[in-house]
N, C-alpha and C. Protein backbone atom coordinates (compact mmCIF):
# COMPACT_ATOMS: atom_id res chain seq x y z
N MET A 1 8.43 3.16 -7.88
CA MET A 1 8.07 4.54 -7.20
C MET A 1 9.13 5.58 -8.37
N ARG A 2 8.36 7.26 -8.42
CA ARG A 2 9.06 7.94 -9.01
C ARG A 2 9.58 8.98 -8.00
N ASN A 3 9.54 8.99 -6.92
CA ASN A 3 10.25 10.10 -6.02
C ASN A 3 10.28 8.88 -4.35
N LYS A 4 12.00 8.73 -3.95
CA LYS A 4 11.92 8.05 -2.94
C LYS A 4 11.32 8.93 -1.41
N VAL A 5 11.08 10.36 -1.81
CA VAL A 5 10.95 10.73 -0.58
C VAL A 5 9.60 10.65 0.13
N ILE A 6 9.28 10.79 -1.46
CA ILE A 6 7.11 10.92 -1.37
C ILE A 6 7.06 9.64 -0.85
N THR A 7 7.80 8.41 -1.69
CA THR A 7 6.75 7.43 -1.40
C THR A 7 7.26 6.89 -0.08
N GLN A 8 8.52 7.26 0.25
CA GLN A 8 8.94 6.88 1.87
C GLN A 8 7.58 7.34 2.71
N ALA A 9 7.32 9.01 2.59
CA ALA A 9 6.18 9.30 3.39
C ALA A 9 5.41 8.96 3.22
N TYR A 10 4.66 8.28 2.11
CA TYR A 10 3.58 7.67 2.21
C TYR A 10 3.11 6.52 3.58
N TYR A 11 4.25 5.51 2.72
CA TYR A 11 4.21 4.10 3.58
C TYR A 11 4.91 4.73 4.86
N VAL A 12 5.37 5.38 5.47
CA VAL A 12 6.01 5.29 6.68
C VAL A 12 4.87 6.41 7.67
N ASP A 13 4.78 7.34 6.98
CA ASP A 13 3.46 8.38 8.00
C ASP A 13 2.44 8.31 7.58
N GLN A 14 1.65 7.77 6.74
CA GLN A 14 0.28 7.28 6.43
C GLN A 14 -0.03 6.20 7.00
N LEU A 15 0.99 5.18 6.14
CA LEU A 15 0.36 3.83 6.10
C LEU A 15 0.97 3.26 7.78
N GLY A 16 1.70 3.21 8.04
CA GLY A 16 2.13 2.80 9.31
C GLY A 16 3.07 2.08 9.23
N PHE A 17 4.28 1.67 8.09
CA PHE A 17 5.39 0.98 7.88
C PHE A 17 6.01 1.75 8.74
N HIS A 18 7.68 1.20 8.37
CA HIS A 18 9.10 1.63 9.37
C HIS A 18 10.06 0.85 7.67
N GLN A 19 10.57 1.85 7.65
CA GLN A 19 12.00 1.78 6.59
C GLN A 19 13.06 1.10 7.39
N VAL A 20 13.50 -0.05 5.64
CA VAL A 20 14.46 -1.29 6.75
C VAL A 20 15.26 -0.98 5.51
N GLY A 21 16.23 -2.17 5.92
CA GLY A 21 17.42 -1.70 5.11
C GLY A 21 18.60 -0.82 5.33
N ASN A 22 19.41 -0.77 4.39
CA ASN A 22 19.99 0.04 4.04
C ASN A 22 19.67 1.56 3.48
N PRO A 23 19.24 2.66 3.92
CA PRO A 23 18.27 3.51 3.56
C PRO A 23 19.24 4.67 2.90
N ASP A 24 21.33 4.00 2.67
CA ASP A 24 21.76 5.06 1.22
C ASP A 24 21.76 4.21 0.19
N TYR A 25 20.56 3.66 -0.43
CA TYR A 25 20.75 3.19 -1.56
C TYR A 25 19.51 4.66 -2.50
N PRO A 26 19.93 5.68 -2.68
CA PRO A 26 19.21 6.37 -3.40
C PRO A 26 17.94 6.15 -4.30
N ALA A 27 18.14 5.07 -4.90
CA ALA A 27 17.78 4.52 -5.95
C ALA A 27 16.12 3.16 -5.90
N TYR A 28 16.76 3.07 -4.34
CA TYR A 28 15.97 1.60 -3.75
C TYR A 28 15.57 2.00 -2.06
N LEU A 29 14.13 1.67 -1.82
CA LEU A 29 13.32 1.66 -0.81
C LEU A 29 12.12 0.30 -0.16
N MET A 30 13.00 -0.14 1.06
CA MET A 30 12.26 -1.33 1.82
C MET A 30 11.46 -0.71 2.87
N VAL A 31 10.58 -1.06 2.85
CA VAL A 31 9.45 -0.64 3.66
C VAL A 31 9.12 -2.22 4.37
N GLN A 32 8.35 -2.01 5.37
CA GLN A 32 7.92 -3.51 6.56
C GLN A 32 6.79 -3.14 7.42
N LYS A 33 6.06 -3.72 7.79
CA LYS A 33 4.66 -3.21 8.43
C LYS A 33 4.74 -5.05 9.12
N GLU A 34 4.66 -5.28 10.04
CA GLU A 34 4.38 -6.83 10.83
C GLU A 34 5.35 -7.41 9.63
N ALA A 35 4.66 -8.71 9.34
CA ALA A 35 5.38 -9.23 8.46
C ALA A 35 6.00 -8.95 6.90
N LEU A 36 5.24 -8.04 6.89
CA LEU A 36 4.95 -7.52 5.42
C LEU A 36 6.12 -6.91 5.09
N GLU A 37 7.17 -6.93 3.47
CA GLU A 37 7.91 -6.02 3.38
C GLU A 37 7.60 -5.96 2.15
N LEU A 38 8.08 -4.68 1.50
CA LEU A 38 7.93 -4.43 0.17
C LEU A 38 9.41 -3.21 0.02
N HIS A 39 9.35 -3.54 -1.52
CA HIS A 39 10.51 -2.88 -2.01
C HIS A 39 10.00 -2.47 -2.84
N PHE A 40 11.05 -1.05 -3.46
CA PHE A 40 10.88 0.07 -4.83
C PHE A 40 12.25 0.25 -5.11
N PHE A 41 11.69 0.43 -6.22
CA PHE A 41 13.12 0.65 -6.87
C PHE A 41 12.27 1.85 -8.06
N LEU A 42 13.19 2.71 -8.49
CA LEU A 42 13.56 3.97 -8.50
C LEU A 42 13.26 3.86 -9.95
N PHE A 43 11.87 4.97 -10.60
CA PHE A 43 11.82 4.87 -12.00
C PHE A 43 10.70 6.11 -12.34
N PRO A 44 11.62 7.16 -12.51
CA PRO A 44 11.48 8.20 -12.41
C PRO A 44 10.24 8.92 -13.76
N ASP A 45 10.27 7.65 -14.82
CA ASP A 45 9.92 8.05 -16.02
C ASP A 45 8.25 7.64 -15.77
N LEU A 46 7.99 7.04 -14.78
CA LEU A 46 6.42 6.61 -14.71
C LEU A 46 5.34 7.39 -14.80
N ASP A 47 4.86 7.13 -15.82
CA ASP A 47 3.86 8.32 -15.70
C ASP A 47 2.65 7.34 -14.54
N PRO A 48 2.21 7.78 -13.95
CA PRO A 48 1.41 7.21 -12.59
C PRO A 48 -0.15 6.67 -13.60
N LEU A 49 -0.46 8.09 -14.35
CA LEU A 49 -1.56 7.07 -14.73
C LEU A 49 -1.98 5.95 -16.08
N GLN A 50 -0.57 5.39 -16.35
CA GLN A 50 -0.63 4.60 -16.69
C GLN A 50 0.10 3.75 -16.22
N ASN A 51 0.35 3.55 -15.20
CA ASN A 51 1.00 2.38 -14.21
C ASN A 51 -0.37 1.52 -14.01
N TYR A 52 -0.03 0.00 -14.42
CA TYR A 52 -0.89 -1.23 -14.15
C TYR A 52 -0.29 -2.25 -12.56
N GLY A 53 0.74 -1.32 -11.60
CA GLY A 53 1.53 -1.94 -11.05
C GLY A 53 0.20 -1.92 -9.65
N GLN A 54 -0.14 -3.73 -9.29
CA GLN A 54 -0.52 -3.71 -8.35
C GLN A 54 -0.05 -4.65 -7.00
N ILE A 55 -0.59 -5.10 -6.66
CA ILE A 55 0.25 -6.13 -5.22
C ILE A 55 -1.47 -6.86 -4.09
N TYR A 56 -1.03 -7.58 -3.96
CA TYR A 56 -2.24 -8.00 -2.65
C TYR A 56 -2.31 -8.45 -1.96
N LEU A 57 -2.57 -7.92 -0.63
CA LEU A 57 -2.18 -8.32 0.85
C LEU A 57 -2.95 -9.28 1.68
N ARG A 58 -2.87 -10.15 2.11
CA ARG A 58 -3.21 -10.60 2.83
C ARG A 58 -3.61 -10.22 4.82
N THR A 59 -4.60 -9.88 5.14
CA THR A 59 -4.39 -9.88 6.61
C THR A 59 -5.07 -10.89 7.33
N ALA A 60 -5.14 -10.45 8.47
CA ALA A 60 -6.00 -11.35 9.23
C ALA A 60 -6.96 -10.54 10.18
N ALA A 61 -6.38 -9.06 9.87
CA ALA A 61 -7.51 -8.33 10.64
C ALA A 61 -7.59 -6.86 9.83
N ILE A 62 -8.92 -7.19 8.64
CA ILE A 62 -9.48 -6.67 7.59
C ILE A 62 -9.90 -5.35 8.83
N ASP A 63 -10.76 -5.53 9.16
CA ASP A 63 -11.52 -4.17 10.14
C ASP A 63 -11.09 -3.05 10.52
N SER A 64 -9.60 -3.63 11.34
CA SER A 64 -8.84 -3.33 11.96
C SER A 64 -8.02 -2.54 11.21
N LEU A 65 -7.42 -3.08 10.57
CA LEU A 65 -6.53 -2.36 9.26
C LEU A 65 -7.16 -0.92 8.57
N TYR A 66 -8.20 -1.42 8.17
CA TYR A 66 -9.58 -0.02 7.50
C TYR A 66 -9.67 0.95 7.94
N GLN A 67 -10.01 0.77 9.64
CA GLN A 67 -9.69 1.31 10.27
C GLN A 67 -8.84 2.70 10.70
N TYR A 68 -7.88 1.95 10.74
CA TYR A 68 -6.67 2.91 10.97
C TYR A 68 -6.03 3.38 10.28
N PHE A 69 -6.25 3.37 8.39
CA PHE A 69 -6.22 3.88 7.26
C PHE A 69 -7.17 4.89 8.17
N LEU A 70 -8.18 4.67 8.05
CA LEU A 70 -9.54 5.72 8.25
C LEU A 70 -8.89 7.05 9.02
N ASP A 71 -8.67 6.24 10.33
CA ASP A 71 -8.04 7.33 11.51
C ASP A 71 -7.23 7.92 10.65
N ARG A 72 -6.56 7.51 10.20
CA ARG A 72 -5.11 8.07 9.37
C ARG A 72 -5.57 8.78 8.65
N LYS A 73 -6.69 9.38 7.72
CA LYS A 73 -6.64 9.93 6.53
C LYS A 73 -6.21 9.70 5.68
N VAL A 74 -5.84 8.18 5.86
CA VAL A 74 -5.44 7.78 4.41
C VAL A 74 -6.90 7.49 2.89
N ALA A 75 -6.94 8.05 1.91
CA ALA A 75 -7.46 8.43 0.74
C ALA A 75 -7.90 6.34 0.47
N ILE A 76 -8.65 6.28 0.26
CA ILE A 76 -9.82 5.01 0.12
C ILE A 76 -9.52 5.03 -1.13
N HIS A 77 -9.50 3.94 -1.99
CA HIS A 77 -9.85 4.14 -3.69
C HIS A 77 -10.87 4.62 -3.83
N PRO A 78 -11.61 5.32 -4.68
CA PRO A 78 -13.19 5.25 -4.54
C PRO A 78 -13.74 4.60 -5.19
N HIS A 79 -13.56 2.99 -5.51
CA HIS A 79 -13.88 2.19 -6.16
C HIS A 79 -13.69 0.60 -5.07
N GLY A 80 -13.15 1.63 -4.41
CA GLY A 80 -12.63 0.42 -3.55
C GLY A 80 -12.77 0.85 -1.31
N LYS A 81 -14.10 0.32 -1.37
CA LYS A 81 -14.30 0.83 -0.08
C LYS A 81 -13.83 -0.42 0.33
N LEU A 82 -14.27 -0.66 1.60
CA LEU A 82 -14.39 -2.15 2.26
C LEU A 82 -15.29 -2.95 2.34
N GLU A 83 -15.46 -4.10 1.29
CA GLU A 83 -16.72 -4.60 1.79
C GLU A 83 -16.45 -6.63 0.84
N THR A 84 -17.63 -7.11 1.55
CA THR A 84 -17.34 -8.74 1.15
C THR A 84 -17.79 -8.67 -0.19
N LYS A 85 -16.67 -9.25 -0.48
CA LYS A 85 -16.48 -10.00 -2.35
C LYS A 85 -17.49 -11.30 -2.22
N ALA A 86 -17.61 -11.69 -3.58
CA ALA A 86 -18.37 -12.78 -4.01
C ALA A 86 -17.94 -14.22 -3.73
N TRP A 87 -16.17 -13.56 -4.03
CA TRP A 87 -15.55 -14.35 -4.00
C TRP A 87 -14.58 -15.39 -2.75
N GLY A 88 -15.76 -14.68 -1.24
CA GLY A 88 -15.50 -15.06 -0.51
C GLY A 88 -14.45 -13.95 0.31
N GLN A 89 -14.03 -12.62 0.09
CA GLN A 89 -13.09 -11.75 0.55
C GLN A 89 -13.46 -10.76 0.58
N ARG A 90 -12.73 -10.05 2.48
CA ARG A 90 -13.35 -8.52 2.70
C ARG A 90 -11.99 -8.13 1.79
N GLU A 91 -12.18 -6.63 1.34
CA GLU A 91 -11.48 -6.36 0.76
C GLU A 91 -11.57 -4.89 0.65
N PHE A 92 -10.65 -4.07 0.48
CA PHE A 92 -10.83 -2.52 0.06
C PHE A 92 -9.22 -2.03 -0.67
N SER A 93 -9.36 -0.94 -1.23
CA SER A 93 -8.33 -1.33 -1.97
C SER A 93 -7.66 1.05 -1.85
N LEU A 94 -6.11 0.89 -1.99
CA LEU A 94 -5.74 2.21 -1.74
C LEU A 94 -4.90 2.66 -2.85
N LEU A 95 -4.55 3.72 -3.40
CA LEU A 95 -3.48 3.90 -4.78
C LEU A 95 -2.21 4.10 -4.00
N ASP A 96 -1.24 4.29 -4.20
CA ASP A 96 -0.25 4.95 -3.50
C ASP A 96 0.04 6.00 -4.51
N PRO A 97 1.14 6.86 -4.27
CA PRO A 97 1.29 8.32 -4.48
C PRO A 97 1.40 8.22 -6.51
N ASP A 98 1.97 6.89 -6.67
CA ASP A 98 2.52 6.56 -8.25
C ASP A 98 1.62 5.29 -8.79
N HIS A 99 0.46 5.41 -7.84
CA HIS A 99 -0.95 4.71 -8.54
C HIS A 99 -0.79 3.34 -8.84
N ASN A 100 0.24 3.10 -7.77
CA ASN A 100 0.14 1.92 -7.35
C ASN A 100 -0.93 1.05 -6.90
N LEU A 101 -1.90 0.40 -7.03
CA LEU A 101 -2.71 -0.04 -6.44
C LEU A 101 -2.35 -1.20 -5.44
N LEU A 102 -2.92 -1.19 -4.56
CA LEU A 102 -2.77 -2.15 -2.96
C LEU A 102 -4.41 -2.38 -2.79
N THR A 103 -4.53 -3.55 -2.19
CA THR A 103 -5.52 -4.70 -2.04
C THR A 103 -4.94 -5.34 -0.84
N PHE A 104 -5.57 -4.96 0.01
CA PHE A 104 -5.92 -5.64 1.72
C PHE A 104 -7.56 -6.59 1.24
N GLY A 105 -6.74 -7.56 1.99
CA GLY A 105 -8.30 -8.31 1.81
C GLY A 105 -7.34 -9.84 2.81
N GLN A 106 -9.10 -10.13 3.51
CA GLN A 106 -9.01 -11.39 4.12
C GLN A 106 -10.24 -12.74 4.24
N SER A 107 -9.86 -13.18 3.77
CA SER A 107 -10.97 -14.61 3.96
C SER A 107 -11.86 -14.20 4.57
N ILE A 108 -13.29 -14.89 4.23
CA ILE A 108 -14.07 -14.98 5.20
C ILE A 108 -14.59 -16.28 4.65
N LEU A 109 -14.04 -17.20 4.38
CA LEU A 109 -14.52 -18.71 4.66
C LEU A 109 -13.89 -19.49 5.73
């Protein structure tokens, strides 16, 4: 993350996570949504257009999660709309403010 306040606002206010851990560390952020916990460290020199950070998040409720994000007006990646993939997953993707790619998927097999 380049900016803790911006990252926290995106994950908490838009994606519905809540902050966990000690908030007094300015260079570290932990957020949680159900059983999923994400950790971020401060990297102020990160160039978002050169960032290749990505994570794959498995869910058992892909359709309702996608709708939840749509209802909250979360921007879906232009090439990451919800669809069934040839490899047996339903997936969609988001880019956070630092261009970390978040792909959410559910097995359909």
